[in-house]
Amino acid sequence: MGARPQLRAVLGPIAIDEPIEVVDTVHSADRVGFAYKTRPGHPVSGEEAFILTRSAAHVFLEIRSLTAPSDLLGWRVVFPLLLVAQKFTRWRYGRALTLNC
């Protein structure tokens, strides 16, 4: 907890830095995951959690997020597009999990 990685979203020639801070972790026999909050400079404001749960027959990925536009005016204007990008990214996470299980 407390780690402050700098994520980078890349779409073709465009790269967007996304500063975050890890605020919680989960580690048990059948669940692992983490939650982070956005830091100033991130395109959105909010928190997101990723929890992977394993049962005898299945693996589940749970993603929870509270997302609002950033205080930065430029990001506020494109916020609807950022939500579309967020959905696409979640789909990719699920696809990666399906392909690798």
PDB file of N, CA and C in Angstrom:
ATOM      1  N   MET A   1       0.833  -1.185   0.000  1.00  0.00           N
ATOM      2  CA  MET A   1       0.000   0.000   0.000  1.00  0.00           C
ATOM      3  C   MET A   1       0.876   1.246   0.000  1.00  0.00           C
ATOM      4  N   GLY A   2       0.319   2.301  -0.551  1.00  0.00           N
ATOM      5  CA  GLY A   2       1.048   3.546  -0.610  1.00  0.00           C
ATOM      6  C   GLY A   2       1.921   3.709  -1.836  1.00  0.00           C
ATOM      7  N   ALA A   3       2.066   2.642  -2.625  1.00  0.00           N
ATOM      8  CA  ALA A   3       2.871   2.741  -3.848  1.00  0.00           C
ATOM      9  C   ALA A   3       2.226   3.770  -4.773  1.00  0.00           C
ATOM     10  N   ARG A   4       3.053   4.490  -5.515  1.00  0.00           N
ATOM     11  CA  ARG A   4       2.558   5.530  -6.416  1.00  0.00           C
ATOM     12  C   ARG A   4       3.077   5.306  -7.837  1.00  0.00           C
ATOM     13  N   PRO A   5       2.597   4.262  -8.493  1.00  0.00           N
ATOM     14  CA  PRO A   5       3.056   4.023  -9.871  1.00  0.00           C
ATOM     15  C   PRO A   5       2.471   5.042 -10.835  1.00  0.00           C
ATOM     16  N   GLN A   6       3.125   5.179 -11.951  1.00  0.00           N
ATOM     17  CA  GLN A   6       2.667   6.059 -13.031  1.00  0.00           C
ATOM     18  C   GLN A   6       2.217   5.155 -14.165  1.00  0.00           C
ATOM     19  N   LEU A   7       0.915   5.022 -14.353  1.00  0.00           N
ATOM     20  CA  LEU A   7       0.406   4.239 -15.469  1.00  0.00           C
ATOM     21  C   LEU A   7       0.495   5.081 -16.733  1.00  0.00           C
ATOM     22  N   ARG A   8       0.520   4.424 -17.871  1.00  0.00           N
ATOM     23  CA  ARG A   8       0.549   5.139 -19.145  1.00  0.00           C
ATOM     24  C   ARG A   8      -0.398   4.426 -20.102  1.00  0.00           C
ATOM     25  N   ALA A   9      -1.396   5.153 -20.575  1.00  0.00           N
ATOM     26  CA  ALA A   9      -2.321   4.633 -21.570  1.00  0.00           C
ATOM     27  C   ALA A   9      -1.822   5.072 -22.939  1.00  0.00           C
ATOM     28  N   VAL A  10      -1.697   4.115 -23.853  1.00  0.00           N
ATOM     29  CA  VAL A  10      -1.179   4.420 -25.188  1.00  0.00           C
ATOM     30  C   VAL A  10      -2.223   4.023 -26.223  1.00  0.00           C
ATOM     31  N   LEU A  11      -2.535   4.961 -27.086  1.00  0.00           N
ATOM     32  CA  LEU A  11      -3.454   4.712 -28.187  1.00  0.00           C
ATOM     33  C   LEU A  11      -2.806   5.288 -29.429  1.00  0.00           C
ATOM     34  N   GLY A  12      -2.179   4.413 -30.205  1.00  0.00           N
ATOM     35  CA  GLY A  12      -1.445   4.875 -31.381  1.00  0.00           C
ATOM     36  C   GLY A  12      -0.321   5.805 -30.958  1.00  0.00           C
ATOM     37  N   PRO A  13      -0.267   6.996 -31.529  1.00  0.00           N
ATOM     38  CA  PRO A  13       0.810   7.926 -31.199  1.00  0.00           C
ATOM     39  C   PRO A  13       0.548   8.735 -29.912  1.00  0.00           C
ATOM     40  N   ILE A  14      -0.627   8.549 -29.305  1.00  0.00           N
ATOM     41  CA  ILE A  14      -0.996   9.323 -28.117  1.00  0.00           C
ATOM     42  C   ILE A  14      -0.694   8.517 -26.860  1.00  0.00           C
ATOM     43  N   ALA A  15       0.016   9.135 -25.912  1.00  0.00           N
ATOM     44  CA  ALA A  15       0.304   8.511 -24.617  1.00  0.00           C
ATOM     45  C   ALA A  15      -0.192   9.442 -23.511  1.00  0.00           C
ATOM     46  N   ILE A  16      -0.949   8.891 -22.579  1.00  0.00           N
ATOM     47  CA  ILE A  16      -1.515   9.671 -21.481  1.00  0.00           C
ATOM     48  C   ILE A  16      -0.995   9.106 -20.168  1.00  0.00           C
ATOM     49  N   ASP A  17      -0.341   9.948 -19.372  1.00  0.00           N
ATOM     50  CA  ASP A  17       0.132   9.524 -18.061  1.00  0.00           C
ATOM     51  C   ASP A  17      -1.017   9.545 -17.071  1.00  0.00           C
ATOM     52  N   GLU A  18      -1.046   8.516 -16.207  1.00  0.00           N
ATOM     53  CA  GLU A  18      -2.125   8.361 -15.241  1.00  0.00           C
ATOM     54  C   GLU A  18      -1.538   8.099 -13.856  1.00  0.00           C
ATOM     55  N   PRO A  19      -1.230   9.136 -13.081  1.00  0.00           N
ATOM     56  CA  PRO A  19      -0.667   8.927 -11.748  1.00  0.00           C
ATOM     57  C   PRO A  19      -1.714   8.384 -10.772  1.00  0.00           C
ATOM     58  N   ILE A  20      -1.342   7.340 -10.029  1.00  0.00           N
ATOM     59  CA  ILE A  20      -2.251   6.708  -9.071  1.00  0.00           C
ATOM     60  C   ILE A  20      -1.529   6.428  -7.759  1.00  0.00           C
ATOM     61  N   GLU A  21      -2.301   6.051  -6.745  1.00  0.00           N
ATOM     62  CA  GLU A  21      -1.749   5.600  -5.471  1.00  0.00           C
ATOM     63  C   GLU A  21      -2.528   4.370  -5.007  1.00  0.00           C
ATOM     64  N   VAL A  22      -1.832   3.291  -4.697  1.00  0.00           N
ATOM     65  CA  VAL A  22      -2.470   2.075  -4.205  1.00  0.00           C
ATOM     66  C   VAL A  22      -2.933   2.340  -2.772  1.00  0.00           C
ATOM     67  N   VAL A  23      -4.228   2.111  -2.505  1.00  0.00           N
ATOM     68  CA  VAL A  23      -4.789   2.409  -1.184  1.00  0.00           C
ATOM     69  C   VAL A  23      -5.175   1.165  -0.396  1.00  0.00           C
ATOM     70  N   ASP A  24      -5.258   0.012  -1.057  1.00  0.00           N
ATOM     71  CA  ASP A  24      -5.601  -1.216  -0.325  1.00  0.00           C
ATOM     72  C   ASP A  24      -5.189  -2.422  -1.158  1.00  0.00           C
ATOM     73  N   THR A  25      -4.904  -3.519  -0.469  1.00  0.00           N
ATOM     74  CA  THR A  25      -4.593  -4.785  -1.136  1.00  0.00           C
ATOM     75  C   THR A  25      -5.373  -5.904  -0.458  1.00  0.00           C
ATOM     76  N   VAL A  26      -5.628  -6.963  -1.209  1.00  0.00           N
ATOM     77  CA  VAL A  26      -6.308  -8.156  -0.705  1.00  0.00           C
ATOM     78  C   VAL A  26      -5.432  -9.341  -1.052  1.00  0.00           C
ATOM     79  N   HIS A  27      -5.170 -10.192  -0.080  1.00  0.00           N
ATOM     80  CA  HIS A  27      -4.387 -11.396  -0.349  1.00  0.00           C
ATOM     81  C   HIS A  27      -4.830 -12.486   0.613  1.00  0.00           C
ATOM     82  N   SER A  28      -5.571 -13.452   0.095  1.00  0.00           N
ATOM     83  CA  SER A  28      -5.988 -14.608   0.885  1.00  0.00           C
ATOM     84  C   SER A  28      -5.873 -15.843   0.003  1.00  0.00           C
ATOM     85  N   ALA A  29      -6.274 -16.974   0.535  1.00  0.00           N
ATOM     86  CA  ALA A  29      -6.120 -18.229  -0.203  1.00  0.00           C
ATOM     87  C   ALA A  29      -6.895 -18.231  -1.518  1.00  0.00           C
ATOM     88  N   ASP A  30      -8.057 -17.562  -1.555  1.00  0.00           N
ATOM     89  CA  ASP A  30      -8.880 -17.597  -2.768  1.00  0.00           C
ATOM     90  C   ASP A  30      -9.154 -16.225  -3.381  1.00  0.00           C
ATOM     91  N   ARG A  31      -8.550 -15.164  -2.834  1.00  0.00           N
ATOM     92  CA  ARG A  31      -8.766 -13.812  -3.379  1.00  0.00           C
ATOM     93  C   ARG A  31      -7.478 -13.009  -3.366  1.00  0.00           C
ATOM     94  N   VAL A  32      -7.219 -12.296  -4.450  1.00  0.00           N
ATOM     95  CA  VAL A  32      -6.111 -11.348  -4.515  1.00  0.00           C
ATOM     96  C   VAL A  32      -6.609 -10.100  -5.246  1.00  0.00           C
ATOM     97  N   GLY A  33      -6.016  -8.977  -4.913  1.00  0.00           N
ATOM     98  CA  GLY A  33      -6.416  -7.773  -5.613  1.00  0.00           C
ATOM     99  C   GLY A  33      -5.844  -6.527  -4.990  1.00  0.00           C
ATOM    100  N   PHE A  34      -6.240  -5.402  -5.557  1.00  0.00           N
ATOM    101  CA  PHE A  34      -5.777  -4.120  -5.058  1.00  0.00           C
ATOM    102  C   PHE A  34      -6.783  -3.041  -5.448  1.00  0.00           C
ATOM    103  N   ALA A  35      -6.689  -1.915  -4.764  1.00  0.00           N
ATOM    104  CA  ALA A  35      -7.488  -0.745  -5.094  1.00  0.00           C
ATOM    105  C   ALA A  35      -6.556   0.451  -5.174  1.00  0.00           C
ATOM    106  N   TYR A  36      -6.882   1.377  -6.070  1.00  0.00           N
ATOM    107  CA  TYR A  36      -6.077   2.587  -6.170  1.00  0.00           C
ATOM    108  C   TYR A  36      -6.978   3.805  -6.303  1.00  0.00           C
ATOM    109  N   LYS A  37      -6.408   4.960  -5.954  1.00  0.00           N
ATOM    110  CA  LYS A  37      -7.085   6.225  -6.192  1.00  0.00           C
ATOM    111  C   LYS A  37      -6.246   7.022  -7.176  1.00  0.00           C
ATOM    112  N   THR A  38      -6.915   7.896  -7.908  1.00  0.00           N
ATOM    113  CA  THR A  38      -6.186   8.737  -8.855  1.00  0.00           C
ATOM    114  C   THR A  38      -5.518   9.883  -8.103  1.00  0.00           C
ATOM    115  N   ARG A  39      -4.429  10.353  -8.668  1.00  0.00           N
ATOM    116  CA  ARG A  39      -3.709  11.504  -8.117  1.00  0.00           C
ATOM    117  C   ARG A  39      -3.842  12.679  -9.087  1.00  0.00           C
ATOM    118  N   PRO A  40      -3.496  13.880  -8.628  1.00  0.00           N
ATOM    119  CA  PRO A  40      -3.558  15.038  -9.530  1.00  0.00           C
ATOM    120  C   PRO A  40      -2.785  14.783 -10.824  1.00  0.00           C
ATOM    121  N   GLY A  41      -3.392  15.190 -11.938  1.00  0.00           N
ATOM    122  CA  GLY A  41      -2.797  14.963 -13.249  1.00  0.00           C
ATOM    123  C   GLY A  41      -3.433  13.803 -13.989  1.00  0.00           C
ATOM    124  N   HIS A  42      -4.194  12.957 -13.281  1.00  0.00           N
ATOM    125  CA  HIS A  42      -4.899  11.831 -13.907  1.00  0.00           C
ATOM    126  C   HIS A  42      -6.089  12.389 -14.690  1.00  0.00           C
ATOM    127  N   PRO A  43      -6.426  11.794 -15.837  1.00  0.00           N
ATOM    128  CA  PRO A  43      -7.541  12.306 -16.641  1.00  0.00           C
ATOM    129  C   PRO A  43      -8.898  12.245 -15.940  1.00  0.00           C
ATOM    130  N   VAL A  44      -9.061  11.344 -14.973  1.00  0.00           N
ATOM    131  CA  VAL A  44     -10.313  11.253 -14.221  1.00  0.00           C
ATOM    132  C   VAL A  44     -10.003  11.329 -12.734  1.00  0.00           C
ATOM    133  N   SER A  45     -11.045  11.499 -11.954  1.00  0.00           N
ATOM    134  CA  SER A  45     -10.910  11.513 -10.505  1.00  0.00           C
ATOM    135  C   SER A  45     -11.707  10.335  -9.968  1.00  0.00           C
ATOM    136  N   GLY A  46     -11.113   9.553  -9.055  1.00  0.00           N
ATOM    137  CA  GLY A  46     -11.875   8.445  -8.492  1.00  0.00           C
ATOM    138  C   GLY A  46     -11.015   7.329  -7.962  1.00  0.00           C
ATOM    139  N   GLU A  47     -11.651   6.179  -7.769  1.00  0.00           N
ATOM    140  CA  GLU A  47     -10.995   4.979  -7.265  1.00  0.00           C
ATOM    141  C   GLU A  47     -11.426   3.792  -8.104  1.00  0.00           C
ATOM    142  N   GLU A  48     -10.548   2.791  -8.147  1.00  0.00           N
ATOM    143  CA  GLU A  48     -10.845   1.570  -8.896  1.00  0.00           C
ATOM    144  C   GLU A  48     -10.255   0.395  -8.131  1.00  0.00           C
ATOM    145  N   ALA A  49     -10.981  -0.720  -8.118  1.00  0.00           N
ATOM    146  CA  ALA A  49     -10.516  -1.931  -7.433  1.00  0.00           C
ATOM    147  C   ALA A  49     -10.591  -3.115  -8.389  1.00  0.00           C
ATOM    148  N   PHE A  50      -9.598  -3.986  -8.299  1.00  0.00           N
ATOM    149  CA  PHE A  50      -9.520  -5.204  -9.104  1.00  0.00           C
ATOM    150  C   PHE A  50      -9.364  -6.373  -8.141  1.00  0.00           C
ATOM    151  N   ILE A  51     -10.352  -7.260  -8.096  1.00  0.00           N
ATOM    152  CA  ILE A  51     -10.322  -8.409  -7.192  1.00  0.00           C
ATOM    153  C   ILE A  51     -10.483  -9.680  -8.023  1.00  0.00           C
ATOM    154  N   LEU A  52      -9.540 -10.596  -7.885  1.00  0.00           N
ATOM    155  CA  LEU A  52      -9.576 -11.881  -8.565  1.00  0.00           C
ATOM    156  C   LEU A  52      -9.941 -12.936  -7.525  1.00  0.00           C
ATOM    157  N   THR A  53     -11.039 -13.655  -7.771  1.00  0.00           N
ATOM    158  CA  THR A  53     -11.508 -14.684  -6.845  1.00  0.00           C
ATOM    159  C   THR A  53     -11.482 -16.022  -7.552  1.00  0.00           C
ATOM    160  N   ARG A  54     -10.959 -17.028  -6.850  1.00  0.00           N
ATOM    161  CA  ARG A  54     -10.846 -18.369  -7.425  1.00  0.00           C
ATOM    162  C   ARG A  54     -11.710 -19.325  -6.616  1.00  0.00           C
ATOM    163  N   SER A  55     -12.556 -20.086  -7.318  1.00  0.00           N
ATOM    164  CA  SER A  55     -13.307 -21.166  -6.687  1.00  0.00           C
ATOM    165  C   SER A  55     -12.769 -22.473  -7.254  1.00  0.00           C
ATOM    166  N   ALA A  56     -13.354 -23.578  -6.866  1.00  0.00           N
ATOM    167  CA  ALA A  56     -12.883 -24.872  -7.349  1.00  0.00           C
ATOM    168  C   ALA A  56     -12.983 -24.987  -8.873  1.00  0.00           C
ATOM    169  N   ALA A  57     -13.987 -24.343  -9.461  1.00  0.00           N
ATOM    170  CA  ALA A  57     -14.220 -24.504 -10.894  1.00  0.00           C
ATOM    171  C   ALA A  57     -14.038 -23.242 -11.724  1.00  0.00           C
ATOM    172  N   HIS A  58     -13.957 -22.072 -11.089  1.00  0.00           N
ATOM    173  CA  HIS A  58     -13.960 -20.824 -11.852  1.00  0.00           C
ATOM    174  C   HIS A  58     -12.994 -19.795 -11.272  1.00  0.00           C
ATOM    175  N   VAL A  59     -12.657 -18.843 -12.126  1.00  0.00           N
ATOM    176  CA  VAL A  59     -11.916 -17.657 -11.702  1.00  0.00           C
ATOM    177  C   VAL A  59     -12.760 -16.453 -12.111  1.00  0.00           C
ATOM    178  N   PHE A  60     -12.987 -15.547 -11.161  1.00  0.00           N
ATOM    179  CA  PHE A  60     -13.796 -14.359 -11.415  1.00  0.00           C
ATOM    180  C   PHE A  60     -12.941 -13.114 -11.240  1.00  0.00           C
ATOM    181  N   LEU A  61     -13.108 -12.164 -12.154  1.00  0.00           N
ATOM    182  CA  LEU A  61     -12.471 -10.865 -12.035  1.00  0.00           C
ATOM    183  C   LEU A  61     -13.558  -9.841 -11.758  1.00  0.00           C
ATOM    184  N   GLU A  62     -13.453  -9.171 -10.633  1.00  0.00           N
ATOM    185  CA  GLU A  62     -14.404  -8.123 -10.269  1.00  0.00           C
ATOM    186  C   GLU A  62     -13.681  -6.778 -10.351  1.00  0.00           C
ATOM    187  N   ILE A  63     -14.262  -5.865 -11.109  1.00  0.00           N
ATOM    188  CA  ILE A  63     -13.702  -4.522 -11.240  1.00  0.00           C
ATOM    189  C   ILE A  63     -14.771  -3.544 -10.772  1.00  0.00           C
ATOM    190  N   ARG A  64     -14.409  -2.736  -9.793  1.00  0.00           N
ATOM    191  CA  ARG A  64     -15.324  -1.715  -9.293  1.00  0.00           C
ATOM    192  C   ARG A  64     -14.667  -0.354  -9.459  1.00  0.00           C
ATOM    193  N   SER A  65     -15.454   0.618  -9.863  1.00  0.00           N
ATOM    194  CA  SER A  65     -14.865   1.946  -9.995  1.00  0.00           C
ATOM    195  C   SER A  65     -15.876   3.036  -9.682  1.00  0.00           C
ATOM    196  N   LEU A  66     -15.354   4.109  -9.151  1.00  0.00           N
ATOM    197  CA  LEU A  66     -16.083   5.358  -8.947  1.00  0.00           C
ATOM    198  C   LEU A  66     -15.310   6.383  -9.757  1.00  0.00           C
ATOM    199  N   THR A  67     -15.901   6.862 -10.823  1.00  0.00           N
ATOM    200  CA  THR A  67     -15.181   7.727 -11.751  1.00  0.00           C
ATOM    201  C   THR A  67     -15.958   9.016 -11.983  1.00  0.00           C
ATOM    202  N   ALA A  68     -15.246  10.127 -11.925  1.00  0.00           N
ATOM    203  CA  ALA A  68     -15.810  11.445 -12.218  1.00  0.00           C
ATOM    204  C   ALA A  68     -14.804  12.196 -13.080  1.00  0.00           C
ATOM    205  N   PRO A  69     -15.246  13.242 -13.745  1.00  0.00           N
ATOM    206  CA  PRO A  69     -14.295  14.020 -14.541  1.00  0.00           C
ATOM    207  C   PRO A  69     -13.217  14.634 -13.649  1.00  0.00           C
ATOM    208  N   SER A  70     -12.042  14.740 -14.173  1.00  0.00           N
ATOM    209  CA  SER A  70     -10.946  15.426 -13.495  1.00  0.00           C
ATOM    210  C   SER A  70     -11.278  16.904 -13.368  1.00  0.00           C
ATOM    211  N   ASP A  71     -10.570  17.578 -12.484  1.00  0.00           N
ATOM    212  CA  ASP A  71     -10.752  19.023 -12.341  1.00  0.00           C
ATOM    213  C   ASP A  71     -10.166  19.794 -13.514  1.00  0.00           C
ATOM    214  N   LEU A  72      -9.343  19.131 -14.307  1.00  0.00           N
ATOM    215  CA  LEU A  72      -8.710  19.800 -15.441  1.00  0.00           C
ATOM    216  C   LEU A  72      -9.720  19.961 -16.574  1.00  0.00           C
ATOM    217  N   LEU A  73      -9.916  21.168 -17.044  1.00  0.00           N
ATOM    218  CA  LEU A  73     -10.963  21.475 -18.024  1.00  0.00           C
ATOM    219  C   LEU A  73     -10.878  20.619 -19.282  1.00  0.00           C
ATOM    220  N   GLY A  74      -9.698  20.432 -19.832  1.00  0.00           N
ATOM    221  CA  GLY A  74      -9.557  19.655 -21.061  1.00  0.00           C
ATOM    222  C   GLY A  74     -10.069  18.234 -20.913  1.00  0.00           C
ATOM    223  N   TRP A  75      -9.809  17.610 -19.771  1.00  0.00           N
ATOM    224  CA  TRP A  75     -10.276  16.239 -19.553  1.00  0.00           C
ATOM    225  C   TRP A  75     -11.779  16.205 -19.320  1.00  0.00           C
ATOM    226  N   ARG A  76     -12.306  17.242 -18.708  1.00  0.00           N
ATOM    227  CA  ARG A  76     -13.742  17.302 -18.440  1.00  0.00           C
ATOM    228  C   ARG A  76     -14.530  17.262 -19.756  1.00  0.00           C
ATOM    229  N   VAL A  77     -14.003  17.911 -20.781  1.00  0.00           N
ATOM    230  CA  VAL A  77     -14.669  17.969 -22.080  1.00  0.00           C
ATOM    231  C   VAL A  77     -14.725  16.587 -22.738  1.00  0.00           C
ATOM    232  N   VAL A  78     -13.672  15.800 -22.601  1.00  0.00           N
ATOM    233  CA  VAL A  78     -13.622  14.485 -23.259  1.00  0.00           C
ATOM    234  C   VAL A  78     -14.011  13.335 -22.322  1.00  0.00           C
ATOM    235  N   PHE A  79     -14.571  13.659 -21.152  1.00  0.00           N
ATOM    236  CA  PHE A  79     -14.929  12.623 -20.180  1.00  0.00           C
ATOM    237  C   PHE A  79     -15.787  11.500 -20.779  1.00  0.00           C
ATOM    238  N   PRO A  80     -16.817  11.797 -21.602  1.00  0.00           N
ATOM    239  CA  PRO A  80     -17.598  10.698 -22.195  1.00  0.00           C
ATOM    240  C   PRO A  80     -16.728   9.727 -23.005  1.00  0.00           C
ATOM    241  N   LEU A  81     -15.734  10.235 -23.712  1.00  0.00           N
ATOM    242  CA  LEU A  81     -14.828   9.353 -24.459  1.00  0.00           C
ATOM    243  C   LEU A  81     -13.957   8.525 -23.519  1.00  0.00           C
ATOM    244  N   LEU A  82     -13.579   9.104 -22.388  1.00  0.00           N
ATOM    245  CA  LEU A  82     -12.779   8.359 -21.407  1.00  0.00           C
ATOM    246  C   LEU A  82     -13.577   7.185 -20.830  1.00  0.00           C
ATOM    247  N   LEU A  83     -14.886   7.370 -20.658  1.00  0.00           N
ATOM    248  CA  LEU A  83     -15.730   6.266 -20.172  1.00  0.00           C
ATOM    249  C   LEU A  83     -15.790   5.131 -21.185  1.00  0.00           C
ATOM    250  N   VAL A  84     -15.831   5.473 -22.466  1.00  0.00           N
ATOM    251  CA  VAL A  84     -15.802   4.447 -23.518  1.00  0.00           C
ATOM    252  C   VAL A  84     -14.464   3.708 -23.465  1.00  0.00           C
ATOM    253  N   ALA A  85     -13.375   4.447 -23.321  1.00  0.00           N
ATOM    254  CA  ALA A  85     -12.046   3.829 -23.226  1.00  0.00           C
ATOM    255  C   ALA A  85     -11.967   2.921 -21.998  1.00  0.00           C
ATOM    256  N   GLN A  86     -12.576   3.334 -20.895  1.00  0.00           N
ATOM    257  CA  GLN A  86     -12.583   2.528 -19.678  1.00  0.00           C
ATOM    258  C   GLN A  86     -13.311   1.201 -19.916  1.00  0.00           C
ATOM    259  N   LYS A  87     -14.456   1.245 -20.579  1.00  0.00           N
ATOM    260  CA  LYS A  87     -15.194   0.006 -20.884  1.00  0.00           C
ATOM    261  C   LYS A  87     -14.382  -0.920 -21.784  1.00  0.00           C
ATOM    262  N   PHE A  88     -13.735  -0.334 -22.797  1.00  0.00           N
ATOM    263  CA  PHE A  88     -12.916  -1.131 -23.698  1.00  0.00           C
ATOM    264  C   PHE A  88     -11.763  -1.783 -22.945  1.00  0.00           C
ATOM    265  N   THR A  89     -11.124  -1.041 -22.057  1.00  0.00           N
ATOM    266  CA  THR A  89     -10.009  -1.585 -21.273  1.00  0.00           C
ATOM    267  C   THR A  89     -10.488  -2.723 -20.382  1.00  0.00           C
ATOM    268  N   ARG A  90     -11.637  -2.569 -19.762  1.00  0.00           N
ATOM    269  CA  ARG A  90     -12.191  -3.655 -18.931  1.00  0.00           C
ATOM    270  C   ARG A  90     -12.454  -4.897 -19.774  1.00  0.00           C
ATOM    271  N   TRP A  91     -12.980  -4.699 -20.964  1.00  0.00           N
ATOM    272  CA  TRP A  91     -13.214  -5.834 -21.856  1.00  0.00           C
ATOM    273  C   TRP A  91     -11.900  -6.547 -22.148  1.00  0.00           C
ATOM    274  N   ARG A  92     -10.831  -5.784 -22.374  1.00  0.00           N
ATOM    275  CA  ARG A  92      -9.518  -6.384 -22.644  1.00  0.00           C
ATOM    276  C   ARG A  92      -9.009  -7.169 -21.440  1.00  0.00           C
ATOM    277  N   TYR A  93      -9.215  -6.647 -20.230  1.00  0.00           N
ATOM    278  CA  TYR A  93      -8.804  -7.388 -19.028  1.00  0.00           C
ATOM    279  C   TYR A  93      -9.527  -8.730 -18.963  1.00  0.00           C
ATOM    280  N   GLY A  94     -10.828  -8.717 -19.175  1.00  0.00           N
ATOM    281  CA  GLY A  94     -11.604  -9.954 -19.145  1.00  0.00           C
ATOM    282  C   GLY A  94     -11.174 -10.925 -20.230  1.00  0.00           C
ATOM    283  N   ARG A  95     -10.913 -10.399 -21.410  1.00  0.00           N
ATOM    284  CA  ARG A  95     -10.452 -11.246 -22.526  1.00  0.00           C
ATOM    285  C   ARG A  95      -9.108 -11.878 -22.212  1.00  0.00           C
ATOM    286  N   ALA A  96      -8.201 -11.098 -21.642  1.00  0.00           N
ATOM    287  CA  ALA A  96      -6.880 -11.636 -21.278  1.00  0.00           C
ATOM    288  C   ALA A  96      -7.023 -12.740 -20.248  1.00  0.00           C
ATOM    289  N   LEU A  97      -7.917 -12.545 -19.296  1.00  0.00           N
ATOM    290  CA  LEU A  97      -8.129 -13.570 -18.269  1.00  0.00           C
ATOM    291  C   LEU A  97      -8.697 -14.833 -18.898  1.00  0.00           C
ATOM    292  N   THR A  98      -9.642 -14.686 -19.815  1.00  0.00           N
ATOM    293  CA  THR A  98     -10.255 -15.844 -20.482  1.00  0.00           C
ATOM    294  C   THR A  98      -9.251 -16.609 -21.330  1.00  0.00           C
ATOM    295  N   LEU A  99      -8.412 -15.877 -22.046  1.00  0.00           N
ATOM    296  CA  LEU A  99      -7.422 -16.506 -22.921  1.00  0.00           C
ATOM    297  C   LEU A  99      -6.307 -17.207 -22.147  1.00  0.00           C
ATOM    298  N   ASN A 100      -6.046 -16.768 -20.930  1.00  0.00           N
ATOM    299  CA  ASN A 100      -4.923 -17.303 -20.167  1.00  0.00           C
ATOM    300  C   ASN A 100      -5.324 -18.293 -19.089  1.00  0.00           C
ATOM    301  N   CYS A 101      -6.593 -18.646 -19.001  1.00  0.00           N
ATOM    302  CA  CYS A 101      -7.033 -19.619 -17.982  1.00  0.00           C
ATOM    303  C   CYS A 101      -7.249 -20.974 -18.599  1.00  0.00           C
TER     304      CYS A 101
END
